[in-house]
C-alpha atoms as a PDB file:
ATOM      1  CA  UNK A   1      -7.253  57.329 -41.553  1.00  0.00           C
ATOM      2  CA  UNK A   2      -7.936  56.363 -45.144  1.00  0.00           C
ATOM      3  CA  UNK A   3      -8.044  52.688 -46.004  1.00  0.00           C
ATOM      4  CA  UNK A   4      -6.532  51.660 -49.316  1.00  0.00           C
ATOM      5  CA  UNK A   5      -9.010  49.488 -51.140  1.00  0.00           C
ATOM      6  CA  UNK A   6      -7.428  49.402 -54.555  1.00  0.00           C
ATOM      7  CA  UNK A   7      -4.222  47.522 -55.168  1.00  0.00           C
ATOM      8  CA  UNK A   8      -2.649  46.043 -58.234  1.00  0.00           C
ATOM      9  CA  UNK A   9      -0.205  43.163 -58.172  1.00  0.00           C
ATOM     10  CA  UNK A  10       3.035  42.973 -60.126  1.00  0.00           C
ATOM     11  CA  UNK A  11       1.739  40.438 -62.668  1.00  0.00           C
ATOM     12  CA  UNK A  12      -1.318  42.544 -63.500  1.00  0.00           C
ATOM     13  CA  UNK A  13       0.752  45.719 -63.811  1.00  0.00           C
ATOM     14  CA  UNK A  14       3.274  43.937 -66.019  1.00  0.00           C
ATOM     15  CA  UNK A  15       0.486  42.823 -68.375  1.00  0.00           C
ATOM     16  CA  UNK A  16      -1.036  46.290 -68.503  1.00  0.00           C
ATOM     17  CA  UNK A  17       2.229  48.203 -69.010  1.00  0.00           C
ATOM     18  CA  UNK A  18       2.339  47.221 -72.671  1.00  0.00           C
ATOM     19  CA  UNK A  19      -0.867  49.107 -73.441  1.00  0.00           C
ATOM     20  CA  UNK A  20      -1.107  51.893 -70.869  1.00  0.00           C
ATOM     21  CA  UNK A  21      -3.466  54.618 -72.079  1.00  0.00           C
ATOM     22  CA  UNK A  22      -2.342  58.247 -71.820  1.00  0.00           C
ATOM     23  CA  UNK A  23      -4.559  58.812 -68.786  1.00  0.00           C
ATOM     24  CA  UNK A  24      -2.698  56.180 -66.711  1.00  0.00           C
ATOM     25  CA  UNK A  25       0.226  57.507 -64.711  1.00  0.00           C
ATOM     26  CA  UNK A  26       2.781  55.195 -63.096  1.00  0.00           C
ATOM     27  CA  UNK A  27       4.391  57.144 -60.261  1.00  0.00           C
ATOM     28  CA  UNK A  28       7.453  56.046 -58.275  1.00  0.00           C
ATOM     29  CA  UNK A  29       7.328  57.802 -54.885  1.00  0.00           C
ATOM     30  CA  UNK A  30      10.847  56.792 -53.821  1.00  0.00           C
ATOM     31  CA  UNK A  31      13.758  59.206 -53.488  1.00  0.00           C
ATOM     32  CA  UNK A  32      15.932  59.962 -56.526  1.00  0.00           C
ATOM     33  CA  UNK A  33      18.765  57.960 -54.915  1.00  0.00           C
ATOM     34  CA  UNK A  34      16.513  54.892 -54.698  1.00  0.00           C
ATOM     35  CA  UNK A  35      15.301  55.370 -58.261  1.00  0.00           C
ATOM     36  CA  UNK A  36      18.919  55.517 -59.468  1.00  0.00           C
ATOM     37  CA  UNK A  37      19.255  51.850 -58.465  1.00  0.00           C
ATOM     38  CA  UNK A  38      16.432  50.894 -60.835  1.00  0.00           C
ATOM     39  CA  UNK A  39      12.790  51.564 -61.591  1.00  0.00           C
ATOM     40  CA  UNK A  40       9.834  50.159 -63.466  1.00  0.00           C
ATOM     41  CA  UNK A  41      10.026  51.265 -67.093  1.00  0.00           C
ATOM     42  CA  UNK A  42       7.652  54.052 -68.045  1.00  0.00           C
ATOM     43  CA  UNK A  43       7.352  55.394 -64.516  1.00  0.00           C
ATOM     44  CA  UNK A  44       7.753  58.976 -63.414  1.00  0.00           C
ATOM     45  CA  UNK A  45       9.587  59.825 -60.192  1.00  0.00           C
ATOM     46  CA  UNK A  46       7.651  61.993 -57.762  1.00  0.00           C
ATOM     47  CA  UNK A  47       9.028  61.552 -54.239  1.00  0.00           C
ATOM     48  CA  UNK A  48       6.369  61.155 -51.562  1.00  0.00           C
ATOM     49  CA  UNK A  49       7.169  64.463 -49.864  1.00  0.00           C
ATOM     50  CA  UNK A  50       6.590  66.350 -53.161  1.00  0.00           C
ATOM     51  CA  UNK A  51       3.113  64.924 -53.836  1.00  0.00           C
ATOM     52  CA  UNK A  52       1.253  67.533 -51.728  1.00  0.00           C
ATOM     53  CA  UNK A  53       2.868  70.239 -53.868  1.00  0.00           C
ATOM     54  CA  UNK A  54       1.767  68.558 -57.111  1.00  0.00           C
ATOM     55  CA  UNK A  55      -1.753  67.434 -56.213  1.00  0.00           C
ATOM     56  CA  UNK A  56      -3.224  69.907 -58.736  1.00  0.00           C
ATOM     57  CA  UNK A  57      -1.448  67.988 -61.496  1.00  0.00           C
ATOM     58  CA  UNK A  58      -3.795  65.028 -60.966  1.00  0.00           C
ATOM     59  CA  UNK A  59      -7.505  64.540 -61.547  1.00  0.00           C
ATOM     60  CA  UNK A  60     -10.138  61.836 -61.355  1.00  0.00           C
ATOM     61  CA  UNK A  61      -9.864  61.557 -65.134  1.00  0.00           C
ATOM     62  CA  UNK A  62      -6.469  59.949 -64.593  1.00  0.00           C
ATOM     63  CA  UNK A  63      -5.738  56.493 -63.244  1.00  0.00           C
ATOM     64  CA  UNK A  64      -2.710  56.708 -60.970  1.00  0.00           C
ATOM     65  CA  UNK A  65      -0.608  53.729 -59.953  1.00  0.00           C
ATOM     66  CA  UNK A  66       1.820  54.524 -57.151  1.00  0.00           C
ATOM     67  CA  UNK A  67       4.730  52.333 -56.140  1.00  0.00           C
ATOM     68  CA  UNK A  68       7.722  52.477 -53.817  1.00  0.00           C
ATOM     69  CA  UNK A  69      10.174  49.994 -52.332  1.00  0.00           C
ATOM     70  CA  UNK A  70       7.684  47.750 -50.491  1.00  0.00           C
ATOM     71  CA  UNK A  71       4.283  49.394 -50.899  1.00  0.00           C
ATOM     72  CA  UNK A  72       4.132  51.362 -47.628  1.00  0.00           C
ATOM     73  CA  UNK A  73       4.961  54.844 -48.934  1.00  0.00           C
ATOM     74  CA  UNK A  74       2.875  54.337 -52.049  1.00  0.00           C
ATOM     75  CA  UNK A  75      -0.061  53.381 -49.801  1.00  0.00           C
ATOM     76  CA  UNK A  76       0.433  56.728 -48.058  1.00  0.00           C
ATOM     77  CA  UNK A  77       0.379  58.464 -51.450  1.00  0.00           C
ATOM     78  CA  UNK A  78      -2.898  56.700 -52.306  1.00  0.00           C
ATOM     79  CA  UNK A  79      -4.414  57.712 -48.978  1.00  0.00           C
ATOM     80  CA  UNK A  80      -3.323  61.322 -49.427  1.00  0.00           C
ATOM     81  CA  UNK A  81      -4.808  61.519 -52.917  1.00  0.00           C
ATOM     82  CA  UNK A  82      -8.059  60.002 -51.662  1.00  0.00           C
ATOM     83  CA  UNK A  83      -8.168  62.645 -48.916  1.00  0.00           C
ATOM     84  CA  UNK A  84      -8.008  65.252 -51.689  1.00  0.00           C
ATOM     85  CA  UNK A  85     -10.909  63.643 -53.562  1.00  0.00           C
ATOM     86  CA  UNK A  86      -8.804  61.840 -56.166  1.00  0.00           C
ATOM     87  CA  UNK A  87      -9.838  58.249 -55.787  1.00  0.00           C
ATOM     88  CA  UNK A  88      -8.827  56.527 -59.006  1.00  0.00           C
ATOM     89  CA  UNK A  89      -5.531  55.465 -57.415  1.00  0.00           C
ATOM     90  CA  UNK A  90      -3.887  52.080 -57.062  1.00  0.00           C
ATOM     91  CA  UNK A  91      -1.016  50.839 -54.919  1.00  0.00           C
ATOM     92  CA  UNK A  92       1.455  48.312 -56.338  1.00  0.00           C
ATOM     93  CA  UNK A  93       1.279  45.528 -53.749  1.00  0.00           C
ATOM     94  CA  UNK A  94       4.766  44.724 -52.468  1.00  0.00           C
ATOM     95  CA  UNK A  95       6.383  47.564 -54.404  1.00  0.00           C
ATOM     96  CA  UNK A  96       9.418  47.197 -56.604  1.00  0.00           C
ATOM     97  CA  UNK A  97      10.828  44.533 -54.255  1.00  0.00           C
ATOM     98  CA  UNK A  98       8.045  42.117 -55.229  1.00  0.00           C
ATOM     99  CA  UNK A  99       8.326  43.249 -58.849  1.00  0.00           C
ATOM    100  CA  UNK A 100      12.027  42.316 -58.889  1.00  0.00           C
ATOM    101  CA  UNK A 101      11.473  39.057 -56.990  1.00  0.00           C
ATOM    102  CA  UNK A 102       9.073  37.989 -59.731  1.00  0.00           C
ATOM    103  CA  UNK A 103      11.814  38.523 -62.303  1.00  0.00           C
ATOM    104  CA  UNK A 104      10.066  41.455 -63.975  1.00  0.00           C
ATOM    105  CA  UNK A 105      12.271  44.005 -65.786  1.00  0.00           C
ATOM    106  CA  UNK A 106      14.006  46.821 -63.938  1.00  0.00           C
ATOM    107  CA  UNK A 107      15.054  49.875 -65.946  1.00  0.00           C
ATOM    108  CA  UNK A 108      18.156  51.819 -65.012  1.00  0.00           C
END
């Protein structure tokens, strides 16, 4: 089992969102129905079960920040990517729930 060592908290992500370089990808691994209720602006939806089919779309030249509802599924996404040799991945600690609890913006 892969251990997730890299996490980012909501405050840090919020600060960095303003100046995300092109090689940083913010990926929401929730289902489209969950995303329809709101997401973090600038994120791309790639449901967890689709990630194995899209692994070739990522490389170690990218920084990938995964998030979900609470951080559990996005931790699985990080672990999967690490198992494929892509280790520049971060999990949003607490997911969008913590993001919203901190009063950070939710896009619809």
